[in-house]
């Protein structure tokens, strides 16, 4: 997990993370509240 945090702090313009839908849902609301643009690429 520490490696993910270090890698996520480096980008200045774009960071793409992929997660299984069931696991990512519990974090998505908090990420949006923190200013992230969260997109589900399976939705059309």
C-alpha atoms as a PDB file:
ATOM      1  CA  UNK A   1       0.000   0.000   0.000  1.00  0.00           C
ATOM      2  CA  UNK A   2       2.857   2.394   0.769  1.00  0.00           C
ATOM      3  CA  UNK A   3       4.195   1.948  -2.774  1.00  0.00           C
ATOM      4  CA  UNK A   4       0.785   2.918  -4.193  1.00  0.00           C
ATOM      5  CA  UNK A   5       0.683   6.069  -2.061  1.00  0.00           C
ATOM      6  CA  UNK A   6       4.180   7.092  -3.162  1.00  0.00           C
ATOM      7  CA  UNK A   7       3.320   6.484  -6.819  1.00  0.00           C
ATOM      8  CA  UNK A   8       0.039   8.382  -6.530  1.00  0.00           C
ATOM      9  CA  UNK A   9       1.748  11.504  -5.189  1.00  0.00           C
ATOM     10  CA  UNK A  10       4.063  11.926  -8.180  1.00  0.00           C
ATOM     11  CA  UNK A  11       1.741  12.725 -11.135  1.00  0.00           C
ATOM     12  CA  UNK A  12       1.001  16.384 -11.779  1.00  0.00           C
ATOM     13  CA  UNK A  13      -1.739  16.092 -14.421  1.00  0.00           C
ATOM     14  CA  UNK A  14      -3.190  12.605 -14.761  1.00  0.00           C
ATOM     15  CA  UNK A  15      -3.364   9.535 -12.560  1.00  0.00           C
ATOM     16  CA  UNK A  16      -5.295   6.486 -13.650  1.00  0.00           C
ATOM     17  CA  UNK A  17      -6.186   3.789 -11.141  1.00  0.00           C
ATOM     18  CA  UNK A  18      -8.086   0.624 -11.887  1.00  0.00           C
ATOM     19  CA  UNK A  19      -9.986  -1.359  -9.291  1.00  0.00           C
ATOM     20  CA  UNK A  20     -12.658  -4.000  -9.255  1.00  0.00           C
ATOM     21  CA  UNK A  21     -16.031  -2.279  -9.121  1.00  0.00           C
ATOM     22  CA  UNK A  22     -17.063  -3.898  -5.833  1.00  0.00           C
ATOM     23  CA  UNK A  23     -13.831  -2.919  -4.071  1.00  0.00           C
ATOM     24  CA  UNK A  24     -13.614   0.602  -5.502  1.00  0.00           C
ATOM     25  CA  UNK A  25     -17.133   1.721  -4.616  1.00  0.00           C
ATOM     26  CA  UNK A  26     -16.382   2.104  -0.925  1.00  0.00           C
ATOM     27  CA  UNK A  27     -13.585   4.596  -1.700  1.00  0.00           C
ATOM     28  CA  UNK A  28     -15.114   6.467  -4.641  1.00  0.00           C
ATOM     29  CA  UNK A  29     -17.259   8.867  -2.587  1.00  0.00           C
ATOM     30  CA  UNK A  30     -14.289   9.923  -0.473  1.00  0.00           C
ATOM     31  CA  UNK A  31     -12.164  10.449  -3.556  1.00  0.00           C
ATOM     32  CA  UNK A  32     -14.844  12.640  -5.130  1.00  0.00           C
ATOM     33  CA  UNK A  33     -15.106  14.628  -1.880  1.00  0.00           C
ATOM     34  CA  UNK A  34     -11.328  15.142  -2.064  1.00  0.00           C
ATOM     35  CA  UNK A  35     -11.651  16.633  -5.556  1.00  0.00           C
ATOM     36  CA  UNK A  36     -10.934  13.584  -7.710  1.00  0.00           C
ATOM     37  CA  UNK A  37     -12.801  13.019 -10.962  1.00  0.00           C
ATOM     38  CA  UNK A  38     -13.923   9.390 -10.614  1.00  0.00           C
ATOM     39  CA  UNK A  39     -15.273   7.727 -13.739  1.00  0.00           C
ATOM     40  CA  UNK A  40     -16.692   4.258 -14.213  1.00  0.00           C
ATOM     41  CA  UNK A  41     -15.540   3.255 -17.671  1.00  0.00           C
ATOM     42  CA  UNK A  42     -18.024   0.381 -17.813  1.00  0.00           C
ATOM     43  CA  UNK A  43     -20.959   2.814 -17.901  1.00  0.00           C
ATOM     44  CA  UNK A  44     -21.877   4.130 -21.321  1.00  0.00           C
END
